[in-house]
Amino acid sequence: PAPVELPKDGVREVPCRLGGTMTPFRWGVNDEYFPDAKPVVLRKDEWVRFVFDNPTGMDHPFHLHGHSFRVLGKPGSLNLADPPLKDTVNVPAGEGLVIQWRANNPGKWFFHCHIEWHLATGMARVIHIEE
């Protein structure tokens, strides 16, 4: 594979604090619940870094439609040399994780937990990439 070239400066960070409870059974991102959550609006070709914080007791496998991203690892210990390319990544319970990607595919894209019950109760966002 070709060497990975990721910008280190000029990258927009988007916090993604995962949360939820078993009683009531409700899951969200940044205390917002789909479909009422505000979209994450990005500019075309903008480099973006999603910084996950998962204080919950459950893993959350997150999937991004329309793009692939680099999994940089845990905050404070980022792999910028040879991070794997994915479109789904598991955010382990009680941990953080960082992904980075270029918003080069304009439109509205779904970003969600792949656990169906979490998605159904609100753990999703729309990523809107403007032209």
N, C-alpha and C. Protein backbone atom coordinates (compact mmCIF):
# COMPACT_ATOMS: atom_id res chain seq x y z
N PRO A 1 0.82 -1.21 0.00
CA PRO A 1 0.00 0.00 0.00
C PRO A 1 0.86 1.27 0.00
N ALA A 2 0.27 2.33 -0.50
CA ALA A 2 0.97 3.61 -0.55
C ALA A 2 1.17 4.15 0.86
N PRO A 3 2.23 4.92 1.06
CA PRO A 3 2.43 5.52 2.38
C PRO A 3 1.25 6.42 2.76
N VAL A 4 0.98 6.51 4.03
CA VAL A 4 -0.11 7.35 4.54
C VAL A 4 0.43 8.75 4.76
N GLU A 5 -0.28 9.74 4.23
CA GLU A 5 0.11 11.13 4.44
C GLU A 5 -1.09 11.86 5.04
N LEU A 6 -1.01 12.08 6.35
CA LEU A 6 -2.07 12.78 7.06
C LEU A 6 -1.57 14.15 7.51
N PRO A 7 -2.38 15.19 7.30
CA PRO A 7 -1.97 16.49 7.82
C PRO A 7 -1.99 16.49 9.34
N LYS A 8 -1.05 17.16 9.94
CA LYS A 8 -0.99 17.25 11.40
C LYS A 8 -1.58 18.58 11.88
N ASP A 9 -1.57 19.58 10.99
CA ASP A 9 -2.11 20.90 11.32
C ASP A 9 -3.33 21.18 10.45
N GLY A 10 -4.20 22.06 10.93
CA GLY A 10 -5.36 22.44 10.15
C GLY A 10 -6.43 21.36 10.10
N VAL A 11 -6.42 20.47 11.08
CA VAL A 11 -7.41 19.40 11.15
C VAL A 11 -8.47 19.80 12.17
N ARG A 12 -9.71 19.78 11.76
CA ARG A 12 -10.81 20.14 12.66
C ARG A 12 -11.14 18.97 13.57
N GLU A 13 -11.19 19.22 14.87
CA GLU A 13 -11.55 18.16 15.83
C GLU A 13 -13.03 18.27 16.18
N VAL A 14 -13.70 17.12 16.13
CA VAL A 14 -15.11 17.03 16.48
C VAL A 14 -15.23 16.05 17.64
N PRO A 15 -15.63 16.52 18.82
CA PRO A 15 -15.79 15.60 19.95
C PRO A 15 -17.02 14.72 19.74
N CYS A 16 -16.90 13.46 20.09
CA CYS A 16 -18.00 12.50 20.00
C CYS A 16 -18.10 11.76 21.33
N ARG A 17 -18.80 12.38 22.27
CA ARG A 17 -18.98 11.75 23.58
C ARG A 17 -20.19 10.83 23.51
N LEU A 18 -19.93 9.55 23.68
CA LEU A 18 -20.99 8.55 23.60
C LEU A 18 -21.64 8.43 24.98
N GLY A 19 -22.94 8.22 24.97
CA GLY A 19 -23.63 8.12 26.25
C GLY A 19 -24.92 7.36 26.12
N GLY A 20 -25.41 6.91 27.25
CA GLY A 20 -26.67 6.20 27.27
C GLY A 20 -26.87 5.45 28.56
N THR A 21 -28.03 4.90 28.67
CA THR A 21 -28.38 4.13 29.87
C THR A 21 -29.25 2.94 29.49
N MET A 22 -29.30 1.99 30.39
CA MET A 22 -30.16 0.82 30.19
C MET A 22 -31.58 1.12 30.68
N THR A 23 -31.71 2.07 31.62
CA THR A 23 -33.01 2.43 32.15
C THR A 23 -33.09 3.94 32.28
N PRO A 24 -33.77 4.67 31.43
CA PRO A 24 -34.45 4.14 30.24
C PRO A 24 -33.42 3.77 29.18
N PHE A 25 -33.80 2.89 28.29
CA PHE A 25 -32.90 2.44 27.23
C PHE A 25 -32.82 3.54 26.19
N ARG A 26 -31.74 4.33 26.24
CA ARG A 26 -31.58 5.48 25.35
C ARG A 26 -30.10 5.70 25.13
N TRP A 27 -29.67 5.89 23.88
CA TRP A 27 -28.26 6.06 23.54
C TRP A 27 -28.10 7.23 22.60
N GLY A 28 -27.02 8.01 22.78
CA GLY A 28 -26.84 9.19 21.95
C GLY A 28 -25.38 9.57 21.80
N VAL A 29 -25.17 10.66 21.07
CA VAL A 29 -23.85 11.25 20.84
C VAL A 29 -23.92 12.70 21.28
N ASN A 30 -23.01 13.10 22.17
CA ASN A 30 -22.96 14.47 22.69
C ASN A 30 -24.31 14.90 23.28
N ASP A 31 -24.96 13.99 23.99
CA ASP A 31 -26.25 14.26 24.64
C ASP A 31 -27.33 14.68 23.65
N GLU A 32 -27.19 14.26 22.40
CA GLU A 32 -28.23 14.48 21.40
C GLU A 32 -28.65 13.13 20.84
N TYR A 33 -29.91 13.05 20.41
CA TYR A 33 -30.48 11.78 19.99
C TYR A 33 -31.12 11.91 18.62
N PHE A 34 -30.65 11.09 17.70
CA PHE A 34 -31.21 11.07 16.35
C PHE A 34 -32.67 10.61 16.44
N PRO A 35 -33.61 11.20 15.72
CA PRO A 35 -33.44 12.12 14.59
C PRO A 35 -33.44 13.60 14.97
N ASP A 36 -33.46 13.92 16.26
CA ASP A 36 -33.51 15.31 16.69
C ASP A 36 -32.14 15.96 16.83
N ALA A 37 -31.07 15.20 16.63
CA ALA A 37 -29.71 15.73 16.77
C ALA A 37 -29.36 16.65 15.61
N LYS A 38 -28.60 17.71 15.92
CA LYS A 38 -28.13 18.61 14.87
C LYS A 38 -27.12 17.86 13.99
N PRO A 39 -27.11 18.10 12.67
CA PRO A 39 -26.10 17.48 11.82
C PRO A 39 -24.72 18.05 12.11
N VAL A 40 -23.70 17.28 11.83
CA VAL A 40 -22.32 17.76 11.87
C VAL A 40 -22.04 18.31 10.48
N VAL A 41 -21.83 19.61 10.38
CA VAL A 41 -21.65 20.27 9.08
C VAL A 41 -20.15 20.46 8.83
N LEU A 42 -19.70 19.97 7.68
CA LEU A 42 -18.30 20.06 7.28
C LEU A 42 -18.20 20.69 5.91
N ARG A 43 -17.05 21.27 5.61
CA ARG A 43 -16.79 21.82 4.28
C ARG A 43 -16.14 20.75 3.41
N LYS A 44 -16.42 20.78 2.12
CA LYS A 44 -15.82 19.83 1.19
C LYS A 44 -14.29 19.94 1.28
N ASP A 45 -13.65 18.79 1.33
CA ASP A 45 -12.20 18.62 1.38
C ASP A 45 -11.58 19.01 2.73
N GLU A 46 -12.40 19.32 3.71
CA GLU A 46 -11.90 19.61 5.05
C GLU A 46 -11.39 18.31 5.70
N TRP A 47 -10.25 18.40 6.38
CA TRP A 47 -9.75 17.27 7.16
C TRP A 47 -10.39 17.35 8.53
N VAL A 48 -10.88 16.22 8.99
CA VAL A 48 -11.62 16.19 10.26
C VAL A 48 -11.14 15.01 11.11
N ARG A 49 -11.13 15.24 12.40
CA ARG A 49 -10.71 14.21 13.36
C ARG A 49 -11.84 14.05 14.37
N PHE A 50 -12.47 12.89 14.39
CA PHE A 50 -13.48 12.60 15.40
C PHE A 50 -12.78 12.01 16.61
N VAL A 51 -13.00 12.64 17.76
CA VAL A 51 -12.38 12.20 19.01
C VAL A 51 -13.49 11.60 19.87
N PHE A 52 -13.51 10.27 19.92
CA PHE A 52 -14.52 9.56 20.69
C PHE A 52 -14.13 9.49 22.16
N ASP A 53 -15.12 9.66 23.02
CA ASP A 53 -15.00 9.40 24.44
C ASP A 53 -16.17 8.49 24.79
N ASN A 54 -15.87 7.29 25.25
CA ASN A 54 -16.91 6.33 25.56
C ASN A 54 -16.86 5.96 27.05
N PRO A 55 -17.52 6.74 27.90
CA PRO A 55 -17.53 6.43 29.32
C PRO A 55 -18.53 5.33 29.69
N THR A 56 -19.27 4.84 28.72
CA THR A 56 -20.29 3.82 29.01
C THR A 56 -19.65 2.46 29.26
N GLY A 57 -20.44 1.55 29.74
CA GLY A 57 -19.98 0.19 30.01
C GLY A 57 -20.13 -0.74 28.82
N MET A 58 -20.42 -0.18 27.64
CA MET A 58 -20.62 -1.00 26.45
C MET A 58 -19.73 -0.52 25.31
N ASP A 59 -19.28 -1.46 24.48
CA ASP A 59 -18.60 -1.12 23.24
C ASP A 59 -19.61 -0.53 22.26
N HIS A 60 -19.13 0.32 21.36
CA HIS A 60 -19.99 0.90 20.33
C HIS A 60 -19.26 0.86 18.99
N PRO A 61 -19.64 -0.06 18.10
CA PRO A 61 -19.05 -0.09 16.76
C PRO A 61 -19.68 0.98 15.88
N PHE A 62 -18.89 1.98 15.48
CA PHE A 62 -19.41 3.10 14.69
C PHE A 62 -19.05 2.94 13.22
N HIS A 63 -20.04 3.26 12.37
CA HIS A 63 -19.92 3.13 10.92
C HIS A 63 -20.22 4.47 10.27
N LEU A 64 -19.39 4.86 9.31
CA LEU A 64 -19.58 6.09 8.54
C LEU A 64 -19.88 5.74 7.09
N HIS A 65 -21.02 6.17 6.62
CA HIS A 65 -21.39 5.94 5.22
C HIS A 65 -20.67 6.94 4.32
N GLY A 66 -20.34 6.51 3.12
CA GLY A 66 -19.81 7.41 2.10
C GLY A 66 -18.33 7.76 2.18
N HIS A 67 -17.64 7.30 3.21
CA HIS A 67 -16.23 7.63 3.41
C HIS A 67 -15.51 6.48 4.10
N SER A 68 -14.21 6.51 4.01
CA SER A 68 -13.35 5.66 4.83
C SER A 68 -12.52 6.60 5.70
N PHE A 69 -12.01 6.08 6.80
CA PHE A 69 -11.23 6.92 7.71
C PHE A 69 -10.03 6.13 8.22
N ARG A 70 -9.08 6.86 8.76
CA ARG A 70 -7.89 6.26 9.38
C ARG A 70 -8.12 6.18 10.89
N VAL A 71 -7.83 5.02 11.46
CA VAL A 71 -7.97 4.82 12.90
C VAL A 71 -6.62 5.17 13.52
N LEU A 72 -6.57 6.31 14.22
CA LEU A 72 -5.31 6.81 14.77
C LEU A 72 -4.97 6.22 16.13
N GLY A 73 -5.94 5.64 16.81
CA GLY A 73 -5.69 5.04 18.11
C GLY A 73 -6.26 5.87 19.24
N LYS A 74 -5.70 5.69 20.43
CA LYS A 74 -6.20 6.37 21.62
C LYS A 74 -5.68 7.80 21.69
N PRO A 75 -6.49 8.71 22.25
CA PRO A 75 -6.01 10.09 22.44
C PRO A 75 -4.71 10.08 23.24
N GLY A 76 -3.78 10.93 22.84
CA GLY A 76 -2.50 11.01 23.54
C GLY A 76 -1.47 10.02 23.03
N SER A 77 -1.88 9.09 22.17
CA SER A 77 -0.96 8.09 21.63
C SER A 77 -1.36 7.78 20.19
N LEU A 78 -1.31 8.79 19.33
CA LEU A 78 -1.82 8.65 17.97
C LEU A 78 -0.78 8.05 17.03
N ASN A 79 -1.24 7.17 16.16
CA ASN A 79 -0.43 6.57 15.12
C ASN A 79 -0.67 7.35 13.83
N LEU A 80 0.25 8.24 13.48
CA LEU A 80 0.13 9.02 12.26
C LEU A 80 0.98 8.45 11.13
N ALA A 81 1.71 7.36 11.39
CA ALA A 81 2.62 6.78 10.40
C ALA A 81 1.93 5.77 9.49
N ASP A 82 1.20 4.83 10.08
CA ASP A 82 0.57 3.78 9.27
C ASP A 82 -0.76 3.32 9.87
N PRO A 83 -1.70 4.26 10.10
CA PRO A 83 -2.99 3.89 10.68
C PRO A 83 -3.85 3.11 9.69
N PRO A 84 -4.60 2.11 10.17
CA PRO A 84 -5.44 1.32 9.26
C PRO A 84 -6.60 2.14 8.70
N LEU A 85 -7.03 1.74 7.50
CA LEU A 85 -8.14 2.38 6.80
C LEU A 85 -9.40 1.55 7.02
N LYS A 86 -10.46 2.17 7.52
CA LYS A 86 -11.71 1.47 7.86
C LYS A 86 -12.92 2.32 7.49
N ASP A 87 -14.11 1.71 7.56
CA ASP A 87 -15.35 2.48 7.52
C ASP A 87 -16.21 2.18 8.74
N THR A 88 -15.73 1.25 9.57
CA THR A 88 -16.38 0.91 10.84
C THR A 88 -15.28 0.66 11.86
N VAL A 89 -15.49 1.15 13.08
CA VAL A 89 -14.50 0.95 14.13
C VAL A 89 -15.22 0.74 15.46
N ASN A 90 -14.69 -0.14 16.28
CA ASN A 90 -15.26 -0.36 17.61
C ASN A 90 -14.63 0.60 18.60
N VAL A 91 -15.48 1.31 19.32
CA VAL A 91 -15.03 2.20 20.39
C VAL A 91 -15.26 1.44 21.70
N PRO A 92 -14.19 0.93 22.32
CA PRO A 92 -14.34 0.08 23.49
C PRO A 92 -14.95 0.81 24.69
N ALA A 93 -15.63 0.05 25.53
CA ALA A 93 -16.23 0.57 26.75
C ALA A 93 -15.16 1.23 27.62
N GLY A 94 -15.48 2.42 28.12
CA GLY A 94 -14.59 3.12 29.04
C GLY A 94 -13.33 3.66 28.41
N GLU A 95 -13.27 3.78 27.09
CA GLU A 95 -12.04 4.23 26.43
C GLU A 95 -12.33 5.35 25.44
N GLY A 96 -11.25 5.89 24.89
CA GLY A 96 -11.33 6.90 23.84
C GLY A 96 -10.70 6.36 22.58
N LEU A 97 -11.02 6.97 21.46
CA LEU A 97 -10.48 6.56 20.17
C LEU A 97 -10.55 7.76 19.23
N VAL A 98 -9.59 7.84 18.31
CA VAL A 98 -9.54 8.96 17.37
C VAL A 98 -9.49 8.42 15.95
N ILE A 99 -10.33 9.00 15.08
CA ILE A 99 -10.29 8.68 13.66
C ILE A 99 -10.09 9.99 12.89
N GLN A 100 -9.49 9.89 11.70
CA GLN A 100 -9.27 11.07 10.88
C GLN A 100 -9.60 10.75 9.43
N TRP A 101 -10.21 11.71 8.75
CA TRP A 101 -10.60 11.51 7.36
C TRP A 101 -10.79 12.85 6.67
N ARG A 102 -10.84 12.78 5.36
CA ARG A 102 -11.05 13.96 4.53
C ARG A 102 -12.48 13.94 4.02
N ALA A 103 -13.20 15.01 4.26
CA ALA A 103 -14.61 15.11 3.87
C ALA A 103 -14.69 15.47 2.38
N ASN A 104 -14.37 14.50 1.54
CA ASN A 104 -14.26 14.78 0.10
C ASN A 104 -15.42 14.23 -0.72
N ASN A 105 -16.50 13.83 -0.07
CA ASN A 105 -17.66 13.30 -0.77
C ASN A 105 -18.89 14.08 -0.31
N PRO A 106 -19.25 15.18 -1.02
CA PRO A 106 -20.34 16.04 -0.58
C PRO A 106 -21.67 15.30 -0.48
N GLY A 107 -22.49 15.79 0.42
CA GLY A 107 -23.82 15.23 0.61
C GLY A 107 -24.11 15.02 2.08
N LYS A 108 -25.17 14.28 2.34
CA LYS A 108 -25.56 13.96 3.71
C LYS A 108 -25.32 12.48 3.92
N TRP A 109 -24.51 12.17 4.94
CA TRP A 109 -24.09 10.80 5.20
C TRP A 109 -24.44 10.40 6.62
N PHE A 110 -24.84 9.15 6.78
CA PHE A 110 -25.24 8.65 8.10
C PHE A 110 -24.01 8.13 8.84
N PHE A 111 -23.95 8.43 10.12
CA PHE A 111 -22.86 8.04 11.01
C PHE A 111 -23.53 7.48 12.26
N HIS A 112 -23.32 6.18 12.54
CA HIS A 112 -24.14 5.55 13.57
C HIS A 112 -23.47 4.37 14.24
N CYS A 113 -23.98 4.06 15.44
CA CYS A 113 -23.58 2.84 16.12
C CYS A 113 -24.21 1.67 15.39
N HIS A 114 -23.44 0.60 15.22
CA HIS A 114 -23.93 -0.56 14.48
C HIS A 114 -24.67 -1.56 15.36
N ILE A 115 -24.83 -1.25 16.63
CA ILE A 115 -25.72 -2.06 17.47
C ILE A 115 -27.13 -1.52 17.23
N GLU A 116 -27.97 -2.32 16.63
CA GLU A 116 -29.28 -1.85 16.16
C GLU A 116 -30.11 -1.18 17.25
N TRP A 117 -30.09 -1.71 18.47
CA TRP A 117 -30.89 -1.12 19.54
C TRP A 117 -30.34 0.24 19.96
N HIS A 118 -29.06 0.45 19.82
CA HIS A 118 -28.48 1.75 20.13
C HIS A 118 -28.85 2.76 19.04
N LEU A 119 -28.73 2.32 17.80
CA LEU A 119 -29.13 3.17 16.67
C LEU A 119 -30.60 3.55 16.77
N ALA A 120 -31.45 2.58 17.06
CA ALA A 120 -32.90 2.81 17.11
C ALA A 120 -33.32 3.80 18.19
N THR A 121 -32.49 3.94 19.23
CA THR A 121 -32.85 4.88 20.31
C THR A 121 -32.08 6.20 20.23
N GLY A 122 -31.33 6.42 19.15
CA GLY A 122 -30.76 7.74 18.95
C GLY A 122 -29.27 7.87 18.76
N MET A 123 -28.48 6.78 18.81
CA MET A 123 -27.02 6.88 18.72
C MET A 123 -26.60 6.96 17.25
N ALA A 124 -26.86 8.15 16.66
CA ALA A 124 -26.53 8.38 15.25
C ALA A 124 -26.52 9.88 15.00
N ARG A 125 -25.83 10.28 13.94
CA ARG A 125 -25.80 11.67 13.49
C ARG A 125 -25.78 11.68 11.97
N VAL A 126 -26.19 12.79 11.40
CA VAL A 126 -26.03 13.03 9.98
C VAL A 126 -24.79 13.89 9.82
N ILE A 127 -23.91 13.48 8.90
CA ILE A 127 -22.74 14.27 8.54
C ILE A 127 -23.09 14.97 7.22
N HIS A 128 -23.14 16.30 7.25
CA HIS A 128 -23.51 17.08 6.06
C HIS A 128 -22.25 17.76 5.53
N ILE A 129 -21.81 17.31 4.36
CA ILE A 129 -20.63 17.89 3.74
C ILE A 129 -21.09 18.83 2.63
N GLU A 130 -20.83 20.11 2.84
CA GLU A 130 -21.27 21.14 1.90
C GLU A 130 -20.32 21.23 0.72
N GLU A 131 -20.86 21.58 -0.43
CA GLU A 131 -20.05 21.76 -1.65
C GLU A 131 -19.09 22.91 -1.49
